[in-house]
Amino acid sequence: MDMDLLIAPIIIFMVVVAPIWLVLHYRSKRQVSQGLTEEEFTQLNELIHKADKMHHRIETLEAILDTESPEWRTKHERV
């Protein structure tokens, strides 16, 4: 009796869910192995450029703060 209740969900899983799951799994594996697309590579380079600009700006701001308020780092750490 209990086995009869399990057969239908198992069959549905094996016929419908498992094949879809396998197709999606191997499709995503293939996409990962292909690497970055041209658009993703361009976006990555733009982000690297923006991060470099931000790093330069932060260094400039820290240099200005070091000149105008030499203790700004220690004041922030105490808070």
N, C-alpha and C. Protein backbone atom coordinates (compact mmCIF):
# COMPACT_ATOMS: atom_id res chain seq x y z
N MET A 1 0.83 -1.20 0.00
CA MET A 1 0.00 0.00 0.00
C MET A 1 0.86 1.25 0.00
N ASP A 2 1.85 1.34 0.90
CA ASP A 2 2.73 2.49 0.96
C ASP A 2 3.59 2.60 -0.30
N MET A 3 3.96 1.46 -0.84
CA MET A 3 4.79 1.45 -2.05
C MET A 3 4.02 2.00 -3.24
N ASP A 4 2.71 1.77 -3.30
CA ASP A 4 1.90 2.29 -4.39
C ASP A 4 1.87 3.82 -4.39
N LEU A 5 1.92 4.42 -3.20
CA LEU A 5 1.90 5.88 -3.11
C LEU A 5 3.22 6.48 -3.58
N LEU A 6 4.30 5.75 -3.48
CA LEU A 6 5.61 6.26 -3.88
C LEU A 6 5.90 6.07 -5.36
N ILE A 7 5.26 5.14 -5.99
CA ILE A 7 5.57 4.83 -7.39
C ILE A 7 5.24 6.00 -8.31
N ALA A 8 4.09 6.62 -8.15
CA ALA A 8 3.69 7.73 -9.03
C ALA A 8 4.67 8.91 -8.93
N PRO A 9 5.02 9.39 -7.73
CA PRO A 9 5.98 10.50 -7.67
C PRO A 9 7.36 10.12 -8.22
N ILE A 10 7.78 8.88 -8.01
CA ILE A 10 9.07 8.44 -8.53
C ILE A 10 9.06 8.42 -10.06
N ILE A 11 7.99 7.93 -10.64
CA ILE A 11 7.88 7.89 -12.10
C ILE A 11 7.84 9.31 -12.67
N ILE A 12 7.08 10.19 -12.05
CA ILE A 12 7.01 11.58 -12.51
C ILE A 12 8.38 12.23 -12.42
N PHE A 13 9.07 11.98 -11.33
CA PHE A 13 10.41 12.54 -11.16
C PHE A 13 11.35 12.03 -12.26
N MET A 14 11.34 10.74 -12.49
CA MET A 14 12.25 10.14 -13.47
C MET A 14 11.93 10.56 -14.91
N VAL A 15 10.66 10.77 -15.22
CA VAL A 15 10.26 11.08 -16.59
C VAL A 15 10.32 12.58 -16.88
N VAL A 16 9.99 13.41 -15.90
CA VAL A 16 9.88 14.85 -16.15
C VAL A 16 11.05 15.63 -15.53
N VAL A 17 11.21 15.50 -14.24
CA VAL A 17 12.15 16.35 -13.51
C VAL A 17 13.60 15.99 -13.81
N ALA A 18 13.96 14.72 -13.74
CA ALA A 18 15.36 14.32 -13.91
C ALA A 18 15.93 14.72 -15.28
N PRO A 19 15.24 14.49 -16.39
CA PRO A 19 15.82 14.92 -17.67
C PRO A 19 16.03 16.43 -17.77
N ILE A 20 15.06 17.20 -17.30
CA ILE A 20 15.21 18.66 -17.33
C ILE A 20 16.39 19.08 -16.47
N TRP A 21 16.49 18.47 -15.30
CA TRP A 21 17.58 18.76 -14.37
C TRP A 21 18.92 18.46 -15.03
N LEU A 22 19.04 17.31 -15.68
CA LEU A 22 20.29 16.94 -16.33
C LEU A 22 20.64 17.89 -17.48
N VAL A 23 19.67 18.24 -18.29
CA VAL A 23 19.92 19.15 -19.41
C VAL A 23 20.42 20.51 -18.89
N LEU A 24 19.73 21.06 -17.91
CA LEU A 24 20.14 22.35 -17.36
C LEU A 24 21.51 22.28 -16.70
N HIS A 25 21.78 21.19 -16.01
CA HIS A 25 23.08 21.01 -15.34
C HIS A 25 24.22 21.02 -16.35
N TYR A 26 24.11 20.21 -17.38
CA TYR A 26 25.20 20.12 -18.36
C TYR A 26 25.29 21.35 -19.25
N ARG A 27 24.19 22.05 -19.46
CA ARG A 27 24.24 23.31 -20.20
C ARG A 27 25.03 24.34 -19.41
N SER A 28 24.78 24.42 -18.10
CA SER A 28 25.53 25.38 -17.29
C SER A 28 27.00 25.00 -17.19
N LYS A 29 27.30 23.71 -17.14
CA LYS A 29 28.70 23.25 -17.14
C LYS A 29 29.40 23.68 -18.42
N ARG A 30 28.73 23.56 -19.54
CA ARG A 30 29.32 23.92 -20.83
C ARG A 30 29.58 25.43 -20.89
N GLN A 31 28.64 26.23 -20.39
CA GLN A 31 28.81 27.68 -20.41
C GLN A 31 29.99 28.11 -19.54
N VAL A 32 30.16 27.45 -18.40
CA VAL A 32 31.27 27.79 -17.51
C VAL A 32 32.59 27.43 -18.17
N SER A 33 32.65 26.29 -18.85
CA SER A 33 33.90 25.86 -19.46
C SER A 33 34.28 26.69 -20.67
N GLN A 34 33.32 27.39 -21.30
CA GLN A 34 33.61 28.21 -22.47
C GLN A 34 34.31 29.51 -22.10
N GLY A 35 34.20 29.94 -20.86
CA GLY A 35 34.85 31.18 -20.45
C GLY A 35 33.95 32.39 -20.65
N LEU A 36 34.59 33.57 -20.63
CA LEU A 36 33.87 34.82 -20.73
C LEU A 36 33.51 35.13 -22.18
N THR A 37 32.35 35.74 -22.35
CA THR A 37 31.97 36.22 -23.67
C THR A 37 32.67 37.56 -23.91
N GLU A 38 32.61 38.05 -25.12
CA GLU A 38 33.22 39.35 -25.47
C GLU A 38 32.63 40.47 -24.61
N GLU A 39 31.31 40.43 -24.44
CA GLU A 39 30.63 41.47 -23.63
C GLU A 39 31.06 41.39 -22.17
N GLU A 40 31.13 40.19 -21.62
CA GLU A 40 31.55 40.04 -20.22
C GLU A 40 33.00 40.48 -20.04
N PHE A 41 33.86 40.19 -21.02
CA PHE A 41 35.25 40.61 -20.96
C PHE A 41 35.35 42.13 -20.97
N THR A 42 34.54 42.78 -21.81
CA THR A 42 34.52 44.24 -21.87
C THR A 42 34.04 44.83 -20.55
N GLN A 43 32.98 44.25 -19.98
CA GLN A 43 32.47 44.73 -18.69
C GLN A 43 33.51 44.55 -17.59
N LEU A 44 34.22 43.44 -17.61
CA LEU A 44 35.26 43.19 -16.61
C LEU A 44 36.37 44.23 -16.72
N ASN A 45 36.79 44.55 -17.94
CA ASN A 45 37.83 45.56 -18.13
C ASN A 45 37.36 46.94 -17.67
N GLU A 46 36.09 47.27 -17.93
CA GLU A 46 35.54 48.55 -17.46
C GLU A 46 35.54 48.60 -15.93
N LEU A 47 35.15 47.51 -15.29
CA LEU A 47 35.15 47.47 -13.82
C LEU A 47 36.56 47.60 -13.26
N ILE A 48 37.53 46.97 -13.91
CA ILE A 48 38.92 47.08 -13.47
C ILE A 48 39.38 48.53 -13.58
N HIS A 49 39.03 49.18 -14.68
CA HIS A 49 39.41 50.58 -14.87
C HIS A 49 38.77 51.47 -13.80
N LYS A 50 37.49 51.25 -13.52
CA LYS A 50 36.80 52.04 -12.48
C LYS A 50 37.41 51.79 -11.10
N ALA A 51 37.78 50.55 -10.82
CA ALA A 51 38.40 50.23 -9.52
C ALA A 51 39.76 50.92 -9.39
N ASP A 52 40.53 50.96 -10.47
CA ASP A 52 41.82 51.65 -10.44
C ASP A 52 41.64 53.14 -10.19
N LYS A 53 40.64 53.75 -10.87
CA LYS A 53 40.36 55.18 -10.65
C LYS A 53 39.94 55.43 -9.21
N MET A 54 39.10 54.55 -8.66
CA MET A 54 38.64 54.72 -7.29
C MET A 54 39.81 54.58 -6.31
N HIS A 55 40.69 53.62 -6.58
CA HIS A 55 41.86 53.43 -5.72
C HIS A 55 42.74 54.68 -5.73
N HIS A 56 42.95 55.27 -6.91
CA HIS A 56 43.74 56.49 -7.03
C HIS A 56 43.07 57.63 -6.26
N ARG A 57 41.76 57.77 -6.38
CA ARG A 57 41.04 58.84 -5.67
C ARG A 57 41.15 58.67 -4.16
N ILE A 58 41.03 57.43 -3.69
CA ILE A 58 41.12 57.18 -2.25
C ILE A 58 42.51 57.53 -1.75
N GLU A 59 43.54 57.16 -2.50
CA GLU A 59 44.91 57.51 -2.11
C GLU A 59 45.09 59.03 -2.05
N THR A 60 44.51 59.73 -3.03
CA THR A 60 44.60 61.19 -3.04
C THR A 60 43.89 61.79 -1.84
N LEU A 61 42.69 61.31 -1.55
CA LEU A 61 41.94 61.81 -0.39
C LEU A 61 42.68 61.53 0.91
N GLU A 62 43.26 60.35 1.03
CA GLU A 62 44.02 60.03 2.24
C GLU A 62 45.25 60.92 2.37
N ALA A 63 45.90 61.23 1.26
CA ALA A 63 47.06 62.13 1.31
C ALA A 63 46.64 63.53 1.75
N ILE A 64 45.51 64.01 1.23
CA ILE A 64 45.00 65.32 1.65
C ILE A 64 44.66 65.31 3.12
N LEU A 65 43.98 64.29 3.59
CA LEU A 65 43.64 64.19 5.01
C LEU A 65 44.88 64.09 5.88
N ASP A 66 45.89 63.34 5.42
CA ASP A 66 47.13 63.24 6.19
C ASP A 66 47.79 64.61 6.34
N THR A 67 47.69 65.44 5.31
CA THR A 67 48.29 66.77 5.36
C THR A 67 47.49 67.71 6.25
N GLU A 68 46.17 67.71 6.07
CA GLU A 68 45.33 68.67 6.78
C GLU A 68 44.99 68.23 8.21
N SER A 69 44.88 66.95 8.44
CA SER A 69 44.52 66.44 9.77
C SER A 69 45.30 65.15 10.02
N PRO A 70 46.54 65.26 10.49
CA PRO A 70 47.41 64.09 10.61
C PRO A 70 46.87 62.97 11.53
N GLU A 71 45.98 63.32 12.43
CA GLU A 71 45.49 62.31 13.37
C GLU A 71 44.14 61.72 12.96
N TRP A 72 43.72 61.90 11.75
CA TRP A 72 42.39 61.44 11.33
C TRP A 72 42.26 59.94 11.40
N ARG A 73 43.35 59.20 11.17
CA ARG A 73 43.27 57.74 11.22
C ARG A 73 43.07 57.24 12.65
N THR A 74 43.77 57.82 13.60
CA THR A 74 43.65 57.37 14.99
C THR A 74 42.32 57.78 15.59
N LYS A 75 41.79 58.95 15.17
CA LYS A 75 40.48 59.39 15.67
C LYS A 75 39.39 58.41 15.22
N HIS A 76 39.49 57.95 14.01
CA HIS A 76 38.49 57.01 13.47
C HIS A 76 38.57 55.65 14.18
N GLU A 77 39.76 55.22 14.52
CA GLU A 77 39.92 53.92 15.18
C GLU A 77 39.37 53.92 16.59
N ARG A 78 39.40 55.04 17.27
CA ARG A 78 38.90 55.13 18.65
C ARG A 78 37.38 55.08 18.71
N VAL A 79 36.72 55.47 17.68
CA VAL A 79 35.24 55.56 17.69
C VAL A 79 34.63 54.21 17.64
